[in-house]
C-alpha atoms as a PDB file:
ATOM      1  CA  UNK A   1       0.000   0.000   0.000  1.00  0.00           C
ATOM      2  CA  UNK A   2       1.230   3.492  -0.871  1.00  0.00           C
ATOM      3  CA  UNK A   3       1.299   6.271   1.707  1.00  0.00           C
ATOM      4  CA  UNK A   4      -1.143   8.308  -0.384  1.00  0.00           C
ATOM      5  CA  UNK A   5      -3.696   5.484  -0.281  1.00  0.00           C
ATOM      6  CA  UNK A   6      -3.227   5.208   3.485  1.00  0.00           C
ATOM      7  CA  UNK A   7      -3.912   8.938   3.887  1.00  0.00           C
ATOM      8  CA  UNK A   8      -7.100   8.638   1.821  1.00  0.00           C
ATOM      9  CA  UNK A   9      -8.346   5.658   3.832  1.00  0.00           C
ATOM     10  CA  UNK A  10      -7.468   7.423   7.097  1.00  0.00           C
ATOM     11  CA  UNK A  11      -9.556  10.414   6.086  1.00  0.00           C
ATOM     12  CA  UNK A  12     -12.508   8.136   5.239  1.00  0.00           C
ATOM     13  CA  UNK A  13     -12.161   6.348   8.591  1.00  0.00           C
ATOM     14  CA  UNK A  14     -12.073   9.603  10.567  1.00  0.00           C
ATOM     15  CA  UNK A  15     -15.064  10.964   8.640  1.00  0.00           C
ATOM     16  CA  UNK A  16     -17.092   7.800   9.270  1.00  0.00           C
ATOM     17  CA  UNK A  17     -16.351   7.812  13.012  1.00  0.00           C
ATOM     18  CA  UNK A  18     -17.088  11.534  13.219  1.00  0.00           C
ATOM     19  CA  UNK A  19     -20.615  10.860  11.977  1.00  0.00           C
ATOM     20  CA  UNK A  20     -21.454   9.340  15.375  1.00  0.00           C
ATOM     21  CA  UNK A  21     -18.731  10.806  17.585  1.00  0.00           C
ATOM     22  CA  UNK A  22     -19.574  14.487  17.385  1.00  0.00           C
ATOM     23  CA  UNK A  23     -17.216  17.353  18.112  1.00  0.00           C
ATOM     24  CA  UNK A  24     -13.608  16.372  18.841  1.00  0.00           C
ATOM     25  CA  UNK A  25     -12.094  15.288  15.523  1.00  0.00           C
ATOM     26  CA  UNK A  26      -8.566  15.711  16.903  1.00  0.00           C
ATOM     27  CA  UNK A  27      -9.156  12.901  19.422  1.00  0.00           C
ATOM     28  CA  UNK A  28     -10.410  10.631  16.630  1.00  0.00           C
ATOM     29  CA  UNK A  29      -7.302  11.314  14.535  1.00  0.00           C
ATOM     30  CA  UNK A  30      -4.939  10.739  17.457  1.00  0.00           C
ATOM     31  CA  UNK A  31      -6.682   7.499  18.397  1.00  0.00           C
ATOM     32  CA  UNK A  32      -6.349   6.281  14.807  1.00  0.00           C
ATOM     33  CA  UNK A  33      -2.655   7.237  14.777  1.00  0.00           C
ATOM     34  CA  UNK A  34      -2.134   5.128  17.906  1.00  0.00           C
ATOM     35  CA  UNK A  35      -4.045   2.208  16.397  1.00  0.00           C
ATOM     36  CA  UNK A  36      -1.901   2.334  13.254  1.00  0.00           C
ATOM     37  CA  UNK A  37       1.133   1.478  15.384  1.00  0.00           C
ATOM     38  CA  UNK A  38      -0.744  -1.031  17.599  1.00  0.00           C
ATOM     39  CA  UNK A  39      -0.645   1.431  20.489  1.00  0.00           C
ATOM     40  CA  UNK A  40      -2.786   1.229  23.616  1.00  0.00           C
ATOM     41  CA  UNK A  41      -4.721   4.384  24.544  1.00  0.00           C
ATOM     42  CA  UNK A  42      -5.847   5.591  27.969  1.00  0.00           C
ATOM     43  CA  UNK A  43      -8.816   7.968  27.926  1.00  0.00           C
ATOM     44  CA  UNK A  44      -8.763   9.952  31.152  1.00  0.00           C
ATOM     45  CA  UNK A  45     -11.824  12.139  31.461  1.00  0.00           C
ATOM     46  CA  UNK A  46     -15.186  12.662  33.111  1.00  0.00           C
ATOM     47  CA  UNK A  47     -18.128  10.271  32.550  1.00  0.00           C
ATOM     48  CA  UNK A  48     -20.577  10.811  29.711  1.00  0.00           C
ATOM     49  CA  UNK A  49     -18.176  12.236  27.128  1.00  0.00           C
ATOM     50  CA  UNK A  50     -18.462   9.408  24.597  1.00  0.00           C
ATOM     51  CA  UNK A  51     -15.358   7.341  25.347  1.00  0.00           C
ATOM     52  CA  UNK A  52     -17.198   4.025  25.014  1.00  0.00           C
ATOM     53  CA  UNK A  53     -19.014   5.266  21.920  1.00  0.00           C
ATOM     54  CA  UNK A  54     -15.678   6.158  20.333  1.00  0.00           C
ATOM     55  CA  UNK A  55     -14.209   2.702  21.000  1.00  0.00           C
ATOM     56  CA  UNK A  56     -17.244   0.937  19.543  1.00  0.00           C
ATOM     57  CA  UNK A  57     -17.296   3.200  16.495  1.00  0.00           C
ATOM     58  CA  UNK A  58     -13.591   2.551  15.915  1.00  0.00           C
ATOM     59  CA  UNK A  59     -13.957  -1.214  15.918  1.00  0.00           C
ATOM     60  CA  UNK A  60     -16.934  -1.145  13.559  1.00  0.00           C
ATOM     61  CA  UNK A  61     -15.408   1.261  11.039  1.00  0.00           C
ATOM     62  CA  UNK A  62     -12.107  -0.654  11.006  1.00  0.00           C
ATOM     63  CA  UNK A  63     -13.893  -3.991  10.605  1.00  0.00           C
ATOM     64  CA  UNK A  64     -12.345  -5.391  13.798  1.00  0.00           C
ATOM     65  CA  UNK A  65     -13.656  -7.575  16.617  1.00  0.00           C
ATOM     66  CA  UNK A  66     -14.543  -5.675  19.786  1.00  0.00           C
ATOM     67  CA  UNK A  67     -14.976  -6.680  23.416  1.00  0.00           C
ATOM     68  CA  UNK A  68     -15.685  -4.629  26.529  1.00  0.00           C
ATOM     69  CA  UNK A  69     -14.733  -5.382  30.136  1.00  0.00           C
ATOM     70  CA  UNK A  70     -16.304  -3.418  32.975  1.00  0.00           C
ATOM     71  CA  UNK A  71     -13.597  -3.293  35.647  1.00  0.00           C
ATOM     72  CA  UNK A  72     -14.917  -3.766  39.192  1.00  0.00           C
ATOM     73  CA  UNK A  73     -13.265  -4.526  42.568  1.00  0.00           C
ATOM     74  CA  UNK A  74     -14.289  -8.208  42.372  1.00  0.00           C
ATOM     75  CA  UNK A  75     -12.985  -8.774  38.812  1.00  0.00           C
ATOM     76  CA  UNK A  76     -10.428 -11.595  38.619  1.00  0.00           C
ATOM     77  CA  UNK A  77      -7.521 -12.114  36.178  1.00  0.00           C
ATOM     78  CA  UNK A  78      -9.286 -15.202  34.802  1.00  0.00           C
ATOM     79  CA  UNK A  79     -12.263 -12.973  33.897  1.00  0.00           C
ATOM     80  CA  UNK A  80      -9.939 -11.164  31.495  1.00  0.00           C
ATOM     81  CA  UNK A  81      -7.587 -13.766  30.014  1.00  0.00           C
ATOM     82  CA  UNK A  82      -9.667 -16.917  30.524  1.00  0.00           C
ATOM     83  CA  UNK A  83      -9.039 -20.203  32.308  1.00  0.00           C
ATOM     84  CA  UNK A  84      -9.020 -23.969  31.879  1.00  0.00           C
ATOM     85  CA  UNK A  85     -12.218 -25.768  32.865  1.00  0.00           C
ATOM     86  CA  UNK A  86     -12.491 -29.481  33.678  1.00  0.00           C
ATOM     87  CA  UNK A  87     -15.031 -31.236  31.432  1.00  0.00           C
ATOM     88  CA  UNK A  88     -16.383 -34.318  33.192  1.00  0.00           C
ATOM     89  CA  UNK A  89     -17.798 -35.852  30.016  1.00  0.00           C
ATOM     90  CA  UNK A  90     -14.445 -35.861  28.195  1.00  0.00           C
ATOM     91  CA  UNK A  91     -12.130 -36.177  31.173  1.00  0.00           C
ATOM     92  CA  UNK A  92      -9.983 -33.262  29.987  1.00  0.00           C
ATOM     93  CA  UNK A  93      -9.377 -29.598  30.686  1.00  0.00           C
ATOM     94  CA  UNK A  94     -10.880 -27.238  28.105  1.00  0.00           C
ATOM     95  CA  UNK A  95      -9.447 -23.770  27.503  1.00  0.00           C
ATOM     96  CA  UNK A  96     -12.141 -21.106  27.829  1.00  0.00           C
ATOM     97  CA  UNK A  97     -10.770 -17.905  26.348  1.00  0.00           C
ATOM     98  CA  UNK A  98     -11.493 -14.582  28.000  1.00  0.00           C
ATOM     99  CA  UNK A  99     -12.555 -11.304  26.361  1.00  0.00           C
ATOM    100  CA  UNK A 100      -8.910 -10.330  25.823  1.00  0.00           C
ATOM    101  CA  UNK A 101      -8.994 -12.521  22.706  1.00  0.00           C
ATOM    102  CA  UNK A 102     -10.203  -9.818  20.373  1.00  0.00           C
ATOM    103  CA  UNK A 103      -8.818  -6.954  18.253  1.00  0.00           C
ATOM    104  CA  UNK A 104     -10.101  -3.916  20.167  1.00  0.00           C
ATOM    105  CA  UNK A 105     -10.489  -4.321  23.927  1.00  0.00           C
ATOM    106  CA  UNK A 106     -12.269  -1.618  25.907  1.00  0.00           C
ATOM    107  CA  UNK A 107     -11.119  -1.713  29.553  1.00  0.00           C
ATOM    108  CA  UNK A 108     -13.804   0.484  31.061  1.00  0.00           C
ATOM    109  CA  UNK A 109     -12.904   2.237  34.344  1.00  0.00           C
ATOM    110  CA  UNK A 110      -9.683   0.248  34.510  1.00  0.00           C
ATOM    111  CA  UNK A 111      -8.661   1.737  37.861  1.00  0.00           C
ATOM    112  CA  UNK A 112     -11.657   0.183  39.647  1.00  0.00           C
ATOM    113  CA  UNK A 113     -10.045  -3.280  39.666  1.00  0.00           C
ATOM    114  CA  UNK A 114      -7.247  -4.220  42.108  1.00  0.00           C
ATOM    115  CA  UNK A 115      -3.601  -4.355  40.944  1.00  0.00           C
ATOM    116  CA  UNK A 116      -3.623  -8.155  40.608  1.00  0.00           C
ATOM    117  CA  UNK A 117      -6.402  -7.913  38.028  1.00  0.00           C
ATOM    118  CA  UNK A 118      -4.915  -4.894  36.268  1.00  0.00           C
ATOM    119  CA  UNK A 119      -1.628  -6.782  35.894  1.00  0.00           C
ATOM    120  CA  UNK A 120      -3.415  -9.506  33.896  1.00  0.00           C
ATOM    121  CA  UNK A 121      -3.476  -7.026  31.024  1.00  0.00           C
ATOM    122  CA  UNK A 122       0.245  -6.169  31.119  1.00  0.00           C
ATOM    123  CA  UNK A 123       1.443  -9.166  29.116  1.00  0.00           C
ATOM    124  CA  UNK A 124      -1.304  -8.686  26.547  1.00  0.00           C
ATOM    125  CA  UNK A 125      -0.603  -4.954  26.163  1.00  0.00           C
ATOM    126  CA  UNK A 126       3.155  -5.351  25.723  1.00  0.00           C
ATOM    127  CA  UNK A 127       3.748  -8.837  24.308  1.00  0.00           C
ATOM    128  CA  UNK A 128       0.431  -9.358  22.474  1.00  0.00           C
ATOM    129  CA  UNK A 129       0.114 -12.720  24.195  1.00  0.00           C
ATOM    130  CA  UNK A 130      -1.344 -14.199  27.372  1.00  0.00           C
ATOM    131  CA  UNK A 131      -0.253 -17.070  29.599  1.00  0.00           C
ATOM    132  CA  UNK A 132      -2.979 -19.289  31.073  1.00  0.00           C
ATOM    133  CA  UNK A 133      -1.837 -21.928  33.542  1.00  0.00           C
ATOM    134  CA  UNK A 134       1.572 -22.202  31.908  1.00  0.00           C
ATOM    135  CA  UNK A 135       0.329 -22.178  28.314  1.00  0.00           C
ATOM    136  CA  UNK A 136       1.264 -19.102  26.255  1.00  0.00           C
ATOM    137  CA  UNK A 137      -1.191 -18.061  23.555  1.00  0.00           C
ATOM    138  CA  UNK A 138      -0.625 -15.383  20.912  1.00  0.00           C
ATOM    139  CA  UNK A 139      -3.324 -12.772  20.389  1.00  0.00           C
ATOM    140  CA  UNK A 140      -4.648 -12.147  16.904  1.00  0.00           C
ATOM    141  CA  UNK A 141      -3.255  -9.072  15.162  1.00  0.00           C
ATOM    142  CA  UNK A 142      -4.089  -6.280  15.414  1.00  0.00           C
ATOM    143  CA  UNK A 143      -4.639  -5.994  19.143  1.00  0.00           C
ATOM    144  CA  UNK A 144      -4.805  -2.843  21.223  1.00  0.00           C
ATOM    145  CA  UNK A 145      -6.441  -1.735  24.438  1.00  0.00           C
ATOM    146  CA  UNK A 146      -8.599   1.347  24.874  1.00  0.00           C
ATOM    147  CA  UNK A 147      -8.948   2.007  28.592  1.00  0.00           C
ATOM    148  CA  UNK A 148     -10.913   4.656  30.472  1.00  0.00           C
ATOM    149  CA  UNK A 149     -10.654   6.168  33.922  1.00  0.00           C
ATOM    150  CA  UNK A 150     -12.237   9.078  35.769  1.00  0.00           C
ATOM    151  CA  UNK A 151      -9.599  11.657  36.823  1.00  0.00           C
ATOM    152  CA  UNK A 152     -11.553  13.101  39.763  1.00  0.00           C
ATOM    153  CA  UNK A 153     -13.320  10.174  41.450  1.00  0.00           C
ATOM    154  CA  UNK A 154     -10.809   8.159  43.474  1.00  0.00           C
ATOM    155  CA  UNK A 155     -13.009   6.507  46.121  1.00  0.00           C
ATOM    156  CA  UNK A 156     -12.836   2.735  45.678  1.00  0.00           C
ATOM    157  CA  UNK A 157     -10.199   2.924  42.936  1.00  0.00           C
ATOM    158  CA  UNK A 158      -6.654   1.614  42.557  1.00  0.00           C
ATOM    159  CA  UNK A 159      -4.316   4.099  40.823  1.00  0.00           C
ATOM    160  CA  UNK A 160      -2.484   2.622  37.850  1.00  0.00           C
ATOM    161  CA  UNK A 161       1.193   2.005  38.696  1.00  0.00           C
ATOM    162  CA  UNK A 162       3.857   3.683  36.581  1.00  0.00           C
ATOM    163  CA  UNK A 163       4.733   0.369  34.915  1.00  0.00           C
ATOM    164  CA  UNK A 164       1.197   0.018  33.619  1.00  0.00           C
ATOM    165  CA  UNK A 165       0.836   3.664  32.597  1.00  0.00           C
ATOM    166  CA  UNK A 166       4.022   3.201  30.576  1.00  0.00           C
ATOM    167  CA  UNK A 167       2.251   0.502  28.517  1.00  0.00           C
ATOM    168  CA  UNK A 168      -0.131   3.108  27.123  1.00  0.00           C
ATOM    169  CA  UNK A 169       1.199   4.760  23.987  1.00  0.00           C
ATOM    170  CA  UNK A 170      -1.009   7.815  24.508  1.00  0.00           C
ATOM    171  CA  UNK A 171      -3.113   9.307  27.270  1.00  0.00           C
ATOM    172  CA  UNK A 172      -5.947  11.338  25.756  1.00  0.00           C
ATOM    173  CA  UNK A 173      -8.516  13.685  27.213  1.00  0.00           C
ATOM    174  CA  UNK A 174     -11.800  13.871  25.339  1.00  0.00           C
ATOM    175  CA  UNK A 175     -12.976  17.099  26.967  1.00  0.00           C
ATOM    176  CA  UNK A 176     -16.358  18.768  27.104  1.00  0.00           C
ATOM    177  CA  UNK A 177     -17.854  20.247  23.907  1.00  0.00           C
ATOM    178  CA  UNK A 178     -15.933  23.453  23.203  1.00  0.00           C
ATOM    179  CA  UNK A 179     -18.786  25.595  21.901  1.00  0.00           C
ATOM    180  CA  UNK A 180     -22.556  25.925  22.189  1.00  0.00           C
ATOM    181  CA  UNK A 181     -22.770  24.816  18.549  1.00  0.00           C
ATOM    182  CA  UNK A 182     -20.937  21.571  19.378  1.00  0.00           C
ATOM    183  CA  UNK A 183     -23.316  20.931  22.270  1.00  0.00           C
ATOM    184  CA  UNK A 184     -26.296  21.566  19.985  1.00  0.00           C
ATOM    185  CA  UNK A 185     -24.834  19.270  17.304  1.00  0.00           C
ATOM    186  CA  UNK A 186     -24.821  16.355  19.764  1.00  0.00           C
ATOM    187  CA  UNK A 187     -28.473  16.930  20.649  1.00  0.00           C
ATOM    188  CA  UNK A 188     -29.490  17.280  16.989  1.00  0.00           C
ATOM    189  CA  UNK A 189     -27.594  14.105  16.087  1.00  0.00           C
ATOM    190  CA  UNK A 190     -29.493  12.165  18.770  1.00  0.00           C
ATOM    191  CA  UNK A 191     -32.786  13.307  17.224  1.00  0.00           C
ATOM    192  CA  UNK A 192     -31.616  12.103  13.790  1.00  0.00           C
ATOM    193  CA  UNK A 193     -30.458   8.710  15.048  1.00  0.00           C
ATOM    194  CA  UNK A 194     -33.668   7.948  16.968  1.00  0.00           C
ATOM    195  CA  UNK A 195     -31.646   5.528  19.117  1.00  0.00           C
ATOM    196  CA  UNK A 196     -29.045   5.692  21.893  1.00  0.00           C
ATOM    197  CA  UNK A 197     -26.414   3.589  20.096  1.00  0.00           C
ATOM    198  CA  UNK A 198     -25.811   4.892  16.567  1.00  0.00           C
ATOM    199  CA  UNK A 199     -22.800   2.600  16.075  1.00  0.00           C
ATOM    200  CA  UNK A 200     -25.118  -0.275  15.097  1.00  0.00           C
ATOM    201  CA  UNK A 201     -25.720   1.512  11.776  1.00  0.00           C
ATOM    202  CA  UNK A 202     -22.025   2.055  11.009  1.00  0.00           C
ATOM    203  CA  UNK A 203     -20.564   0.095   8.124  1.00  0.00           C
ATOM    204  CA  UNK A 204     -16.882  -0.882   7.897  1.00  0.00           C
ATOM    205  CA  UNK A 205     -14.747   1.391   5.759  1.00  0.00           C
ATOM    206  CA  UNK A 206     -12.007  -1.241   5.613  1.00  0.00           C
ATOM    207  CA  UNK A 207     -11.486  -4.813   6.823  1.00  0.00           C
ATOM    208  CA  UNK A 208      -8.921  -6.377   9.143  1.00  0.00           C
ATOM    209  CA  UNK A 209      -6.504  -7.304   6.334  1.00  0.00           C
ATOM    210  CA  UNK A 210      -6.521  -3.764   4.928  1.00  0.00           C
ATOM    211  CA  UNK A 211      -5.865  -2.327   8.371  1.00  0.00           C
ATOM    212  CA  UNK A 212      -2.887  -4.664   8.794  1.00  0.00           C
ATOM    213  CA  UNK A 213      -1.594  -3.370   5.440  1.00  0.00           C
ATOM    214  CA  UNK A 214      -1.940   0.187   6.716  1.00  0.00           C
ATOM    215  CA  UNK A 215       0.050  -0.702   9.818  1.00  0.00           C
ATOM    216  CA  UNK A 216       2.777  -2.270   7.677  1.00  0.00           C
ATOM    217  CA  UNK A 217       2.927   0.838   5.470  1.00  0.00           C
ATOM    218  CA  UNK A 218       3.540   3.050   8.523  1.00  0.00           C
ATOM    219  CA  UNK A 219       6.234   0.663   9.716  1.00  0.00           C
ATOM    220  CA  UNK A 220       8.119   0.268   6.421  1.00  0.00           C
ATOM    221  CA  UNK A 221       7.395   3.287   4.226  1.00  0.00           C
ATOM    222  CA  UNK A 222       7.832   6.339   6.484  1.00  0.00           C
ATOM    223  CA  UNK A 223      11.342   7.778   6.755  1.00  0.00           C
ATOM    224  CA  UNK A 224      12.671   9.485   9.881  1.00  0.00           C
ATOM    225  CA  UNK A 225      15.783  11.662   9.481  1.00  0.00           C
ATOM    226  CA  UNK A 226      18.594  11.732  12.008  1.00  0.00           C
ATOM    227  CA  UNK A 227      17.854  15.363  13.085  1.00  0.00           C
ATOM    228  CA  UNK A 228      14.249  14.378  13.897  1.00  0.00           C
ATOM    229  CA  UNK A 229      15.493  11.361  15.844  1.00  0.00           C
ATOM    230  CA  UNK A 230      17.791  13.695  17.767  1.00  0.00           C
ATOM    231  CA  UNK A 231      14.865  16.044  18.400  1.00  0.00           C
ATOM    232  CA  UNK A 232      12.831  13.210  19.938  1.00  0.00           C
ATOM    233  CA  UNK A 233      15.772  12.053  22.055  1.00  0.00           C
ATOM    234  CA  UNK A 234      16.477  15.584  23.330  1.00  0.00           C
ATOM    235  CA  UNK A 235      12.812  16.132  24.203  1.00  0.00           C
ATOM    236  CA  UNK A 236      12.761  12.981  26.301  1.00  0.00           C
ATOM    237  CA  UNK A 237      16.089  13.746  27.979  1.00  0.00           C
ATOM    238  CA  UNK A 238      15.056  17.324  28.781  1.00  0.00           C
ATOM    239  CA  UNK A 239      11.839  16.080  30.395  1.00  0.00           C
ATOM    240  CA  UNK A 240      13.764  13.443  32.311  1.00  0.00           C
ATOM    241  CA  UNK A 241      16.370  15.944  33.489  1.00  0.00           C
ATOM    242  CA  UNK A 242      13.884  18.438  34.964  1.00  0.00           C
ATOM    243  CA  UNK A 243      14.723  19.045  38.646  1.00  0.00           C
ATOM    244  CA  UNK A 244      11.054  18.557  39.556  1.00  0.00           C
ATOM    245  CA  UNK A 245      10.973  15.019  38.175  1.00  0.00           C
ATOM    246  CA  UNK A 246      11.343  11.860  40.263  1.00  0.00           C
ATOM    247  CA  UNK A 247      11.196   9.559  37.227  1.00  0.00           C
ATOM    248  CA  UNK A 248      10.976  10.740  33.645  1.00  0.00           C
ATOM    249  CA  UNK A 249      10.019   9.162  30.325  1.00  0.00           C
ATOM    250  CA  UNK A 250      11.893   5.931  29.608  1.00  0.00           C
ATOM    251  CA  UNK A 251      13.245   4.888  26.191  1.00  0.00           C
ATOM    252  CA  UNK A 252       9.811   3.305  25.684  1.00  0.00           C
ATOM    253  CA  UNK A 253       8.395   6.839  25.817  1.00  0.00           C
ATOM    254  CA  UNK A 254      10.808   7.967  23.104  1.00  0.00           C
ATOM    255  CA  UNK A 255       9.843   4.961  20.978  1.00  0.00           C
ATOM    256  CA  UNK A 256       6.155   5.774  21.488  1.00  0.00           C
ATOM    257  CA  UNK A 257       6.729   9.319  20.261  1.00  0.00           C
ATOM    258  CA  UNK A 258       8.688   8.025  17.272  1.00  0.00           C
ATOM    259  CA  UNK A 259       6.023   5.520  16.243  1.00  0.00           C
ATOM    260  CA  UNK A 260       3.061   7.856  16.569  1.00  0.00           C
ATOM    261  CA  UNK A 261       4.932  10.607  14.684  1.00  0.00           C
ATOM    262  CA  UNK A 262       5.384   8.158  11.792  1.00  0.00           C
ATOM    263  CA  UNK A 263       1.669   7.393  11.842  1.00  0.00           C
ATOM    264  CA  UNK A 264       0.875  11.120  11.848  1.00  0.00           C
ATOM    265  CA  UNK A 265       3.076  11.694   8.804  1.00  0.00           C
ATOM    266  CA  UNK A 266       1.456   8.817   6.894  1.00  0.00           C
ATOM    267  CA  UNK A 267      -2.044  10.079   7.712  1.00  0.00           C
ATOM    268  CA  UNK A 268      -1.011  13.430   6.213  1.00  0.00           C
ATOM    269  CA  UNK A 269       0.158  11.673   3.036  1.00  0.00           C
ATOM    270  CA  UNK A 270       3.888  12.109   3.701  1.00  0.00           C
ATOM    271  CA  UNK A 271       6.496   9.362   3.671  1.00  0.00           C
ATOM    272  CA  UNK A 272       8.772  11.327   6.019  1.00  0.00           C
ATOM    273  CA  UNK A 273       8.416  12.736   9.549  1.00  0.00           C
ATOM    274  CA  UNK A 274       8.744  16.446  10.310  1.00  0.00           C
ATOM    275  CA  UNK A 275       9.108  18.071  13.772  1.00  0.00           C
ATOM    276  CA  UNK A 276       5.443  19.114  13.752  1.00  0.00           C
ATOM    277  CA  UNK A 277       4.451  15.419  13.775  1.00  0.00           C
ATOM    278  CA  UNK A 278       6.443  15.023  16.978  1.00  0.00           C
ATOM    279  CA  UNK A 279       5.077  18.221  18.546  1.00  0.00           C
ATOM    280  CA  UNK A 280       1.489  17.194  17.882  1.00  0.00           C
ATOM    281  CA  UNK A 281       1.769  14.145  20.142  1.00  0.00           C
ATOM    282  CA  UNK A 282       4.425  15.128  22.666  1.00  0.00           C
ATOM    283  CA  UNK A 283       2.009  15.838  25.539  1.00  0.00           C
ATOM    284  CA  UNK A 284      -0.148  12.759  24.968  1.00  0.00           C
ATOM    285  CA  UNK A 285       2.899  10.487  24.613  1.00  0.00           C
ATOM    286  CA  UNK A 286       5.092  11.781  27.443  1.00  0.00           C
ATOM    287  CA  UNK A 287       3.132  13.543  30.215  1.00  0.00           C
ATOM    288  CA  UNK A 288       1.736  10.341  31.775  1.00  0.00           C
ATOM    289  CA  UNK A 289       5.266   8.942  31.895  1.00  0.00           C
ATOM    290  CA  UNK A 290       6.480  11.715  34.223  1.00  0.00           C
ATOM    291  CA  UNK A 291       6.470  11.169  37.993  1.00  0.00           C
ATOM    292  CA  UNK A 292       6.702  14.446  39.920  1.00  0.00           C
ATOM    293  CA  UNK A 293       8.672  14.700  43.185  1.00  0.00           C
ATOM    294  CA  UNK A 294       6.404  14.897  46.217  1.00  0.00           C
ATOM    295  CA  UNK A 295       7.339  18.448  47.188  1.00  0.00           C
ATOM    296  CA  UNK A 296       6.492  19.732  43.694  1.00  0.00           C
ATOM    297  CA  UNK A 297       3.412  17.550  43.384  1.00  0.00           C
ATOM    298  CA  UNK A 298       1.968  19.248  46.478  1.00  0.00           C
ATOM    299  CA  UNK A 299       2.470  22.578  44.683  1.00  0.00           C
ATOM    300  CA  UNK A 300       0.363  21.340  41.761  1.00  0.00           C
ATOM    301  CA  UNK A 301       3.142  20.706  39.235  1.00  0.00           C
ATOM    302  CA  UNK A 302       1.986  18.277  36.533  1.00  0.00           C
ATOM    303  CA  UNK A 303       3.638  16.104  33.936  1.00  0.00           C
ATOM    304  CA  UNK A 304       2.216  18.365  31.252  1.00  0.00           C
ATOM    305  CA  UNK A 305       4.073  21.365  32.682  1.00  0.00           C
ATOM    306  CA  UNK A 306       7.321  19.403  32.649  1.00  0.00           C
ATOM    307  CA  UNK A 307       6.779  18.394  29.026  1.00  0.00           C
ATOM    308  CA  UNK A 308       5.932  22.003  28.118  1.00  0.00           C
ATOM    309  CA  UNK A 309       9.239  23.207  29.586  1.00  0.00           C
ATOM    310  CA  UNK A 310      11.120  20.455  27.750  1.00  0.00           C
ATOM    311  CA  UNK A 311       9.402  21.437  24.496  1.00  0.00           C
ATOM    312  CA  UNK A 312      10.433  25.078  24.928  1.00  0.00           C
ATOM    313  CA  UNK A 313      14.030  24.110  25.765  1.00  0.00           C
ATOM    314  CA  UNK A 314      14.565  21.737  22.831  1.00  0.00           C
ATOM    315  CA  UNK A 315      16.027  22.963  19.559  1.00  0.00           C
ATOM    316  CA  UNK A 316      13.671  22.302  16.628  1.00  0.00           C
ATOM    317  CA  UNK A 317      15.564  21.093  13.536  1.00  0.00           C
ATOM    318  CA  UNK A 318      15.075  23.256  10.441  1.00  0.00           C
ATOM    319  CA  UNK A 319      14.216  21.895   7.019  1.00  0.00           C
ATOM    320  CA  UNK A 320      17.848  22.346   5.940  1.00  0.00           C
ATOM    321  CA  UNK A 321      18.886  19.967   8.710  1.00  0.00           C
ATOM    322  CA  UNK A 322      16.506  17.216   7.625  1.00  0.00           C
END
C-alpha cells in the first residue's frame, strides 16, 4: 500500500467515526494514529463524554472484533484472560478464552479493579500474548487496548502504577464540547439517530486485512531523518532531566513518540516525519510517563508542565537539517 492510499483511507475512517462521535475530531485522529502502530490508549476524562461510543465506532469502522470489560473490585484475572475448565464428560481440561482474545479491547474504568487484576493485562498490552496456567497463547493481530478512567473520582479505585501507565502509547482527554454549537450538534444528532447507540448503523470502511496493510505501510514506508530522531531524544532527555521530576520518560516513551509521529506523517500523506508530527503528540505520549517529586506535586506541578518546559528548551531542527 502506498502512503497516499493510506492517507485517503485514514480520512474516510475519521469521517465515518465523526458521523457518530460528534465534536472532537482531533481525538479521533490521534486514536487512529495510535491504532496504526498497535498502540494502547488511555482515555482519562469525566463520565458521559463518549469514550465508550468512540471505541465501539472505531472497531466497527475498522472492521475489527470488539470486546468490553467493565472493571470492578471483584474482577479476577481469569475474567480477562480466561481459564481452563475441567469437562467431566471428556475427562480433559478445556481452555475457555477470556474477552482479551479480540482486536479492540475496551477496559472500562480500569482503575476500579485491584492491581492483581490490572496486571493480567500487562502481558497482553506489551507482548500481544497471554499465559494461562503455563500455556502461552498469541493474540490475533491487530490488538490494542482502549482504557478509560475518571480523573476526579478516586473513592474505591486503585491508581495505575507507573509500569502500567508506561504501557499506554497515549493518554488522551476527550474534553467537554468546546462551543454551544458543538453541544447543539450532539443533541441534533441524537434526534436524527432515533436511538441511543448509533454505532449499530455504522458500516466498515475497511477490513482487518486492509488495516494490517496500513500498519505495515507506517512501519516500512515512512522515513525518519537523524535530526528528527535527535529532536525526539532531546525532548525525552530534557523532560527526564527536569529538577522537579522523580522519574521521567523511559526509552519506551521515546519509541512511542517516534512511532506515533510516523503514523501522523502517513495520515497526512507524507512518507517522512517532520518536527510538527512530533510536537502534535508530545504531551499525549510523554506527560503520563512523568512522575513528579512529592514536594512539587503538592504545589500542583503536573507532567504536562514538565513536558511544556522540555518542548520550549529543545532545539527544533530546520528543514535544511533534515
